Amino acid sequence: MANTELESASYDPVVDTRNEVPEVPSAAWGWSGESNKAMRVAAIVVAAFLLFMIIGNHHGKVEDLWLVGFAVALVGLVVRDVIVRRKPR
């Protein structure tokens, strides 16, 4: 049976942990985060692959529109990311 007693509220001050090193295996290697350049390259490669998929054995244009739409969306996200990261905060 579950315990029905409530724990008393803690009024200890909140510790700011924004500057601490995350507890991940890569922190010991001196790196912990995202590789923005790799993400951009991967998005461009996926967009190119989507455009290469237009060449196929399908007859309708609906598939082509979806492929082009997703490829344009990926390239748009990469362009937006480049522009946002250039602006100083």
PDB file of N, CA and C in Angstrom:
ATOM      1  N   MET A   1       0.837  -1.161   0.000  1.00  0.00           N
ATOM      2  CA  MET A   1       0.000   0.000   0.000  1.00  0.00           C
ATOM      3  C   MET A   1       0.897   1.245   0.000  1.00  0.00           C
ATOM      4  N   ALA A   2       0.489   2.254  -0.719  1.00  0.00           N
ATOM      5  CA  ALA A   2       1.285   3.469  -0.837  1.00  0.00           C
ATOM      6  C   ALA A   2       1.269   4.266   0.456  1.00  0.00           C
ATOM      7  N   ASN A   3       2.358   4.956   0.700  1.00  0.00           N
ATOM      8  CA  ASN A   3       2.473   5.797   1.884  1.00  0.00           C
ATOM      9  C   ASN A   3       1.666   7.071   1.668  1.00  0.00           C
ATOM     10  N   THR A   4       0.852   7.445   2.647  1.00  0.00           N
ATOM     11  CA  THR A   4      -0.016   8.611   2.490  1.00  0.00           C
ATOM     12  C   THR A   4       0.514   9.849   3.199  1.00  0.00           C
ATOM     13  N   GLU A   5       1.669   9.740   3.854  1.00  0.00           N
ATOM     14  CA  GLU A   5       2.221  10.892   4.555  1.00  0.00           C
ATOM     15  C   GLU A   5       2.882  11.839   3.558  1.00  0.00           C
ATOM     16  N   LEU A   6       2.744  13.129   3.814  1.00  0.00           N
ATOM     17  CA  LEU A   6       3.350  14.138   2.955  1.00  0.00           C
ATOM     18  C   LEU A   6       4.677  14.586   3.537  1.00  0.00           C
ATOM     19  N   GLU A   7       5.624  14.882   2.647  1.00  0.00           N
ATOM     20  CA  GLU A   7       6.907  15.412   3.099  1.00  0.00           C
ATOM     21  C   GLU A   7       6.779  16.920   3.285  1.00  0.00           C
ATOM     22  N   SER A   8       7.495  17.437   4.261  1.00  0.00           N
ATOM     23  CA  SER A   8       7.436  18.881   4.487  1.00  0.00           C
ATOM     24  C   SER A   8       8.151  19.605   3.350  1.00  0.00           C
ATOM     25  N   ALA A   9       7.685  20.815   3.077  1.00  0.00           N
ATOM     26  CA  ALA A   9       8.260  21.605   1.993  1.00  0.00           C
ATOM     27  C   ALA A   9       9.659  22.062   2.368  1.00  0.00           C
ATOM     28  N   SER A  10      10.524  22.111   1.383  1.00  0.00           N
ATOM     29  CA  SER A  10      11.890  22.555   1.601  1.00  0.00           C
ATOM     30  C   SER A  10      12.008  24.025   1.211  1.00  0.00           C
ATOM     31  N   TYR A  11      12.580  24.815   2.084  1.00  0.00           N
ATOM     32  CA  TYR A  11      12.752  26.235   1.804  1.00  0.00           C
ATOM     33  C   TYR A  11      14.224  26.585   1.604  1.00  0.00           C
ATOM     34  N   ASP A  12      15.006  25.604   1.189  1.00  0.00           N
ATOM     35  CA  ASP A  12      16.418  25.858   0.925  1.00  0.00           C
ATOM     36  C   ASP A  12      16.551  26.706  -0.332  1.00  0.00           C
ATOM     37  N   PRO A  13      17.596  27.528  -0.413  1.00  0.00           N
ATOM     38  CA  PRO A  13      17.772  28.341  -1.622  1.00  0.00           C
ATOM     39  C   PRO A  13      18.056  27.463  -2.840  1.00  0.00           C
ATOM     40  N   VAL A  14      17.614  27.931  -3.974  1.00  0.00           N
ATOM     41  CA  VAL A  14      17.816  27.204  -5.219  1.00  0.00           C
ATOM     42  C   VAL A  14      19.248  27.429  -5.683  1.00  0.00           C
ATOM     43  N   VAL A  15      19.913  26.350  -6.092  1.00  0.00           N
ATOM     44  CA  VAL A  15      21.296  26.439  -6.548  1.00  0.00           C
ATOM     45  C   VAL A  15      21.299  26.641  -8.057  1.00  0.00           C
ATOM     46  N   ASP A  16      22.066  27.623  -8.512  1.00  0.00           N
ATOM     47  CA  ASP A  16      22.185  27.902  -9.943  1.00  0.00           C
ATOM     48  C   ASP A  16      23.145  26.890 -10.555  1.00  0.00           C
ATOM     49  N   THR A  17      22.652  26.061 -11.473  1.00  0.00           N
ATOM     50  CA  THR A  17      23.483  25.014 -12.074  1.00  0.00           C
ATOM     51  C   THR A  17      23.783  25.279 -13.537  1.00  0.00           C
ATOM     52  N   ARG A  18      23.576  26.492 -14.004  1.00  0.00           N
ATOM     53  CA  ARG A  18      23.778  26.764 -15.426  1.00  0.00           C
ATOM     54  C   ARG A  18      25.242  26.709 -15.838  1.00  0.00           C
ATOM     55  N   ASN A  19      26.175  26.934 -14.929  1.00  0.00           N
ATOM     56  CA  ASN A  19      27.581  26.986 -15.293  1.00  0.00           C
ATOM     57  C   ASN A  19      28.329  25.703 -14.979  1.00  0.00           C
ATOM     58  N   GLU A  20      27.650  24.700 -14.488  1.00  0.00           N
ATOM     59  CA  GLU A  20      28.309  23.446 -14.172  1.00  0.00           C
ATOM     60  C   GLU A  20      28.469  22.598 -15.425  1.00  0.00           C
ATOM     61  N   VAL A  21      29.483  21.752 -15.414  1.00  0.00           N
ATOM     62  CA  VAL A  21      29.718  20.851 -16.537  1.00  0.00           C
ATOM     63  C   VAL A  21      28.680  19.741 -16.481  1.00  0.00           C
ATOM     64  N   PRO A  22      28.013  19.470 -17.593  1.00  0.00           N
ATOM     65  CA  PRO A  22      27.012  18.400 -17.581  1.00  0.00           C
ATOM     66  C   PRO A  22      27.654  17.043 -17.294  1.00  0.00           C
ATOM     67  N   GLU A  23      26.904  16.196 -16.644  1.00  0.00           N
ATOM     68  CA  GLU A  23      27.406  14.874 -16.316  1.00  0.00           C
ATOM     69  C   GLU A  23      27.145  13.928 -17.476  1.00  0.00           C
ATOM     70  N   VAL A  24      27.973  14.060 -18.483  1.00  0.00           N
ATOM     71  CA  VAL A  24      27.890  13.196 -19.649  1.00  0.00           C
ATOM     72  C   VAL A  24      29.283  12.655 -19.919  1.00  0.00           C
ATOM     73  N   PRO A  25      29.396  11.516 -20.585  1.00  0.00           N
ATOM     74  CA  PRO A  25      30.721  10.945 -20.836  1.00  0.00           C
ATOM     75  C   PRO A  25      31.647  11.869 -21.621  1.00  0.00           C
ATOM     76  N   SER A  26      31.111  12.665 -22.532  1.00  0.00           N
ATOM     77  CA  SER A  26      31.966  13.510 -23.353  1.00  0.00           C
ATOM     78  C   SER A  26      32.528  14.696 -22.583  1.00  0.00           C
ATOM     79  N   ALA A  27      32.033  14.987 -21.391  1.00  0.00           N
ATOM     80  CA  ALA A  27      32.560  16.106 -20.610  1.00  0.00           C
ATOM     81  C   ALA A  27      34.013  15.857 -20.223  1.00  0.00           C
ATOM     82  N   ALA A  28      34.391  14.603 -20.019  1.00  0.00           N
ATOM     83  CA  ALA A  28      35.777  14.280 -19.694  1.00  0.00           C
ATOM     84  C   ALA A  28      36.702  14.517 -20.881  1.00  0.00           C
ATOM     85  N   TRP A  29      36.158  14.511 -22.086  1.00  0.00           N
ATOM     86  CA  TRP A  29      36.964  14.736 -23.286  1.00  0.00           C
ATOM     87  C   TRP A  29      37.096  16.221 -23.603  1.00  0.00           C
ATOM     88  N   GLY A  30      36.421  17.067 -22.853  1.00  0.00           N
ATOM     89  CA  GLY A  30      36.510  18.495 -23.078  1.00  0.00           C
ATOM     90  C   GLY A  30      35.471  19.026 -24.035  1.00  0.00           C
ATOM     91  N   TRP A  31      34.524  18.218 -24.405  1.00  0.00           N
ATOM     92  CA  TRP A  31      33.480  18.665 -25.331  1.00  0.00           C
ATOM     93  C   TRP A  31      32.150  18.118 -24.866  1.00  0.00           C
ATOM     94  N   SER A  32      31.152  18.967 -24.871  1.00  0.00           N
ATOM     95  CA  SER A  32      29.805  18.540 -24.548  1.00  0.00           C
ATOM     96  C   SER A  32      28.848  19.527 -25.187  1.00  0.00           C
ATOM     97  N   GLY A  33      28.180  19.109 -26.229  1.00  0.00           N
ATOM     98  CA  GLY A  33      27.253  20.007 -26.902  1.00  0.00           C
ATOM     99  C   GLY A  33      26.880  19.488 -28.269  1.00  0.00           C
ATOM    100  N   GLU A  34      26.414  20.395 -29.105  1.00  0.00           N
ATOM    101  CA  GLU A  34      25.998  20.038 -30.452  1.00  0.00           C
ATOM    102  C   GLU A  34      27.032  20.513 -31.454  1.00  0.00           C
ATOM    103  N   SER A  35      27.137  19.803 -32.537  1.00  0.00           N
ATOM    104  CA  SER A  35      28.008  20.214 -33.628  1.00  0.00           C
ATOM    105  C   SER A  35      27.135  20.889 -34.677  1.00  0.00           C
ATOM    106  N   ASN A  36      27.109  22.214 -34.647  1.00  0.00           N
ATOM    107  CA  ASN A  36      26.235  22.955 -35.554  1.00  0.00           C
ATOM    108  C   ASN A  36      26.616  22.742 -37.010  1.00  0.00           C
ATOM    109  N   LYS A  37      27.911  22.678 -37.286  1.00  0.00           N
ATOM    110  CA  LYS A  37      28.358  22.491 -38.666  1.00  0.00           C
ATOM    111  C   LYS A  37      27.925  21.121 -39.190  1.00  0.00           C
ATOM    112  N   ALA A  38      28.051  20.091 -38.362  1.00  0.00           N
ATOM    113  CA  ALA A  38      27.647  18.750 -38.781  1.00  0.00           C
ATOM    114  C   ALA A  38      26.143  18.680 -39.019  1.00  0.00           C
ATOM    115  N   MET A  39      25.376  19.373 -38.194  1.00  0.00           N
ATOM    116  CA  MET A  39      23.919  19.386 -38.381  1.00  0.00           C
ATOM    117  C   MET A  39      23.544  20.070 -39.692  1.00  0.00           C
ATOM    118  N   ARG A  40      24.238  21.159 -40.007  1.00  0.00           N
ATOM    119  CA  ARG A  40      23.957  21.861 -41.260  1.00  0.00           C
ATOM    120  C   ARG A  40      24.311  20.995 -42.456  1.00  0.00           C
ATOM    121  N   VAL A  41      25.475  20.345 -42.402  1.00  0.00           N
ATOM    122  CA  VAL A  41      25.895  19.479 -43.509  1.00  0.00           C
ATOM    123  C   VAL A  41      24.920  18.321 -43.666  1.00  0.00           C
ATOM    124  N   ALA A  42      24.490  17.730 -42.565  1.00  0.00           N
ATOM    125  CA  ALA A  42      23.537  16.619 -42.627  1.00  0.00           C
ATOM    126  C   ALA A  42      22.218  17.069 -43.241  1.00  0.00           C
ATOM    127  N   ALA A  43      21.746  18.260 -42.895  1.00  0.00           N
ATOM    128  CA  ALA A  43      20.493  18.762 -43.460  1.00  0.00           C
ATOM    129  C   ALA A  43      20.624  18.982 -44.962  1.00  0.00           C
ATOM    130  N   ILE A  44      21.757  19.510 -45.417  1.00  0.00           N
ATOM    131  CA  ILE A  44      21.966  19.723 -46.851  1.00  0.00           C
ATOM    132  C   ILE A  44      22.053  18.383 -47.580  1.00  0.00           C
ATOM    133  N   VAL A  45      22.718  17.399 -46.985  1.00  0.00           N
ATOM    134  CA  VAL A  45      22.819  16.069 -47.609  1.00  0.00           C
ATOM    135  C   VAL A  45      21.440  15.427 -47.717  1.00  0.00           C
ATOM    136  N   VAL A  46      20.641  15.531 -46.679  1.00  0.00           N
ATOM    137  CA  VAL A  46      19.288  14.962 -46.715  1.00  0.00           C
ATOM    138  C   VAL A  46      18.436  15.684 -47.751  1.00  0.00           C
ATOM    139  N   ALA A  47      18.567  17.004 -47.840  1.00  0.00           N
ATOM    140  CA  ALA A  47      17.814  17.762 -48.844  1.00  0.00           C
ATOM    141  C   ALA A  47      18.220  17.338 -50.254  1.00  0.00           C
ATOM    142  N   ALA A  48      19.522  17.133 -50.478  1.00  0.00           N
ATOM    143  CA  ALA A  48      19.985  16.673 -51.789  1.00  0.00           C
ATOM    144  C   ALA A  48      19.445  15.276 -52.089  1.00  0.00           C
ATOM    145  N   PHE A  49      19.435  14.402 -51.085  1.00  0.00           N
ATOM    146  CA  PHE A  49      18.897  13.056 -51.274  1.00  0.00           C
ATOM    147  C   PHE A  49      17.414  13.107 -51.634  1.00  0.00           C
ATOM    148  N   LEU A  50      16.670  13.995 -50.979  1.00  0.00           N
ATOM    149  CA  LEU A  50      15.249  14.142 -51.308  1.00  0.00           C
ATOM    150  C   LEU A  50      15.067  14.594 -52.754  1.00  0.00           C
ATOM    151  N   LEU A  51      15.910  15.508 -53.199  1.00  0.00           N
ATOM    152  CA  LEU A  51      15.807  15.969 -54.586  1.00  0.00           C
ATOM    153  C   LEU A  51      16.218  14.876 -55.573  1.00  0.00           C
ATOM    154  N   PHE A  52      17.194  14.037 -55.201  1.00  0.00           N
ATOM    155  CA  PHE A  52      17.575  12.923 -56.070  1.00  0.00           C
ATOM    156  C   PHE A  52      16.463  11.884 -56.170  1.00  0.00           C
ATOM    157  N   MET A  53      15.605  11.818 -55.167  1.00  0.00           N
ATOM    158  CA  MET A  53      14.502  10.858 -55.195  1.00  0.00           C
ATOM    159  C   MET A  53      13.423  11.244 -56.199  1.00  0.00           C
ATOM    160  N   ILE A  54      13.499  12.449 -56.753  1.00  0.00           N
ATOM    161  CA  ILE A  54      12.539  12.845 -57.785  1.00  0.00           C
ATOM    162  C   ILE A  54      12.691  11.949 -59.007  1.00  0.00           C
ATOM    163  N   ILE A  55      13.936  11.535 -59.270  1.00  0.00           N
ATOM    164  CA  ILE A  55      14.187  10.631 -60.393  1.00  0.00           C
ATOM    165  C   ILE A  55      13.738   9.243 -59.949  1.00  0.00           C
ATOM    166  N   GLY A  56      12.626   8.786 -60.477  1.00  0.00           N
ATOM    167  CA  GLY A  56      12.102   7.500 -60.055  1.00  0.00           C
ATOM    168  C   GLY A  56      11.071   6.980 -61.029  1.00  0.00           C
ATOM    169  N   ASN A  57      10.375   5.950 -60.623  1.00  0.00           N
ATOM    170  CA  ASN A  57       9.409   5.306 -61.506  1.00  0.00           C
ATOM    171  C   ASN A  57       7.977   5.734 -61.203  1.00  0.00           C
ATOM    172  N   HIS A  58       7.791   6.880 -60.567  1.00  0.00           N
ATOM    173  CA  HIS A  58       6.440   7.344 -60.286  1.00  0.00           C
ATOM    174  C   HIS A  58       5.979   8.271 -61.407  1.00  0.00           C
ATOM    175  N   HIS A  59       4.667   8.325 -61.594  1.00  0.00           N
ATOM    176  CA  HIS A  59       4.116   9.096 -62.710  1.00  0.00           C
ATOM    177  C   HIS A  59       3.488  10.405 -62.257  1.00  0.00           C
ATOM    178  N   GLY A  60       3.009  10.469 -61.040  1.00  0.00           N
ATOM    179  CA  GLY A  60       2.335  11.677 -60.562  1.00  0.00           C
ATOM    180  C   GLY A  60       3.322  12.742 -60.113  1.00  0.00           C
ATOM    181  N   LYS A  61       2.820  13.943 -59.986  1.00  0.00           N
ATOM    182  CA  LYS A  61       3.660  15.057 -59.546  1.00  0.00           C
ATOM    183  C   LYS A  61       3.492  15.359 -58.058  1.00  0.00           C
ATOM    184  N   VAL A  62       2.536  14.691 -57.400  1.00  0.00           N
ATOM    185  CA  VAL A  62       2.310  14.945 -55.984  1.00  0.00           C
ATOM    186  C   VAL A  62       3.549  14.548 -55.179  1.00  0.00           C
ATOM    187  N   GLU A  63       4.140  13.412 -55.520  1.00  0.00           N
ATOM    188  CA  GLU A  63       5.340  12.968 -54.814  1.00  0.00           C
ATOM    189  C   GLU A  63       6.471  13.961 -54.999  1.00  0.00           C
ATOM    190  N   ASP A  64       6.604  14.474 -56.229  1.00  0.00           N
ATOM    191  CA  ASP A  64       7.653  15.456 -56.503  1.00  0.00           C
ATOM    192  C   ASP A  64       7.455  16.715 -55.674  1.00  0.00           C
ATOM    193  N   LEU A  65       6.219  17.159 -55.544  1.00  0.00           N
ATOM    194  CA  LEU A  65       5.948  18.365 -54.767  1.00  0.00           C
ATOM    195  C   LEU A  65       6.297  18.171 -53.289  1.00  0.00           C
ATOM    196  N   TRP A  66       5.976  17.007 -52.745  1.00  0.00           N
ATOM    197  CA  TRP A  66       6.319  16.732 -51.350  1.00  0.00           C
ATOM    198  C   TRP A  66       7.834  16.697 -51.164  1.00  0.00           C
ATOM    199  N   LEU A  67       8.537  16.039 -52.074  1.00  0.00           N
ATOM    200  CA  LEU A  67       9.994  15.952 -51.962  1.00  0.00           C
ATOM    201  C   LEU A  67      10.638  17.328 -52.052  1.00  0.00           C
ATOM    202  N   VAL A  68      10.208  18.117 -53.018  1.00  0.00           N
ATOM    203  CA  VAL A  68      10.758  19.463 -53.176  1.00  0.00           C
ATOM    204  C   VAL A  68      10.388  20.322 -51.966  1.00  0.00           C
ATOM    205  N   GLY A  69       9.175  20.181 -51.476  1.00  0.00           N
ATOM    206  CA  GLY A  69       8.747  20.958 -50.320  1.00  0.00           C
ATOM    207  C   GLY A  69       9.585  20.673 -49.083  1.00  0.00           C
ATOM    208  N   PHE A  70       9.821  19.393 -48.797  1.00  0.00           N
ATOM    209  CA  PHE A  70      10.644  19.054 -47.639  1.00  0.00           C
ATOM    210  C   PHE A  70      12.091  19.489 -47.830  1.00  0.00           C
ATOM    211  N   ALA A  71      12.616  19.362 -49.050  1.00  0.00           N
ATOM    212  CA  ALA A  71      13.987  19.801 -49.315  1.00  0.00           C
ATOM    213  C   ALA A  71      14.120  21.308 -49.126  1.00  0.00           C
ATOM    214  N   VAL A  72      13.148  22.063 -49.624  1.00  0.00           N
ATOM    215  CA  VAL A  72      13.177  23.521 -49.460  1.00  0.00           C
ATOM    216  C   VAL A  72      13.054  23.888 -47.981  1.00  0.00           C
ATOM    217  N   ALA A  73      12.233  23.161 -47.249  1.00  0.00           N
ATOM    218  CA  ALA A  73      12.086  23.435 -45.815  1.00  0.00           C
ATOM    219  C   ALA A  73      13.401  23.195 -45.072  1.00  0.00           C
ATOM    220  N   LEU A  74      14.100  22.112 -45.404  1.00  0.00           N
ATOM    221  CA  LEU A  74      15.384  21.837 -44.757  1.00  0.00           C
ATOM    222  C   LEU A  74      16.413  22.913 -45.073  1.00  0.00           C
ATOM    223  N   VAL A  75      16.499  23.295 -46.339  1.00  0.00           N
ATOM    224  CA  VAL A  75      17.449  24.344 -46.719  1.00  0.00           C
ATOM    225  C   VAL A  75      17.058  25.663 -46.049  1.00  0.00           C
ATOM    226  N   GLY A  76      15.774  25.932 -45.953  1.00  0.00           N
ATOM    227  CA  GLY A  76      15.321  27.138 -45.267  1.00  0.00           C
ATOM    228  C   GLY A  76      15.719  27.150 -43.801  1.00  0.00           C
ATOM    229  N   LEU A  77      15.625  25.994 -43.141  1.00  0.00           N
ATOM    230  CA  LEU A  77      16.050  25.910 -41.744  1.00  0.00           C
ATOM    231  C   LEU A  77      17.549  26.148 -41.594  1.00  0.00           C
ATOM    232  N   VAL A  78      18.329  25.632 -42.540  1.00  0.00           N
ATOM    233  CA  VAL A  78      19.780  25.848 -42.488  1.00  0.00           C
ATOM    234  C   VAL A  78      20.100  27.327 -42.682  1.00  0.00           C
ATOM    235  N   VAL A  79      19.451  27.964 -43.652  1.00  0.00           N
ATOM    236  CA  VAL A  79      19.689  29.391 -43.901  1.00  0.00           C
ATOM    237  C   VAL A  79      19.283  30.209 -42.680  1.00  0.00           C
ATOM    238  N   ARG A  80      18.151  29.886 -42.089  1.00  0.00           N
ATOM    239  CA  ARG A  80      17.702  30.599 -40.887  1.00  0.00           C
ATOM    240  C   ARG A  80      18.701  30.419 -39.751  1.00  0.00           C
ATOM    241  N   ASP A  81      19.214  29.200 -39.581  1.00  0.00           N
ATOM    242  CA  ASP A  81      20.183  28.931 -38.529  1.00  0.00           C
ATOM    243  C   ASP A  81      21.456  29.744 -38.735  1.00  0.00           C
ATOM    244  N   VAL A  82      21.922  29.832 -39.978  1.00  0.00           N
ATOM    245  CA  VAL A  82      23.132  30.610 -40.269  1.00  0.00           C
ATOM    246  C   VAL A  82      22.901  32.082 -39.953  1.00  0.00           C
ATOM    247  N   ILE A  83      21.756  32.608 -40.339  1.00  0.00           N
ATOM    248  CA  ILE A  83      21.466  34.027 -40.110  1.00  0.00           C
ATOM    249  C   ILE A  83      21.320  34.318 -38.622  1.00  0.00           C
ATOM    250  N   VAL A  84      20.617  33.460 -37.899  1.00  0.00           N
ATOM    251  CA  VAL A  84      20.392  33.692 -36.471  1.00  0.00           C
ATOM    252  C   VAL A  84      21.704  33.621 -35.693  1.00  0.00           C
ATOM    253  N   ARG A  85      22.573  32.697 -36.055  1.00  0.00           N
ATOM    254  CA  ARG A  85      23.826  32.544 -35.315  1.00  0.00           C
ATOM    255  C   ARG A  85      24.837  33.637 -35.643  1.00  0.00           C
ATOM    256  N   ARG A  86      24.675  34.356 -36.743  1.00  0.00           N
ATOM    257  CA  ARG A  86      25.584  35.454 -37.074  1.00  0.00           C
ATOM    258  C   ARG A  86      25.294  36.700 -36.265  1.00  0.00           C
ATOM    259  N   LYS A  87      24.041  36.878 -35.880  1.00  0.00           N
ATOM    260  CA  LYS A  87      23.656  38.077 -35.134  1.00  0.00           C
ATOM    261  C   LYS A  87      24.166  37.981 -33.698  1.00  0.00           C
ATOM    262  N   PRO A  88      24.796  39.050 -33.203  1.00  0.00           N
ATOM    263  CA  PRO A  88      25.236  39.016 -31.797  1.00  0.00           C
ATOM    264  C   PRO A  88      24.038  39.104 -30.858  1.00  0.00           C
ATOM    265  N   ARG A  89      24.178  38.466 -29.726  1.00  0.00           N
ATOM    266  CA  ARG A  89      23.079  38.468 -28.757  1.00  0.00           C
ATOM    267  C   ARG A  89      23.325  39.472 -27.688  1.00  0.00           C
TER     268      ARG A  89
END
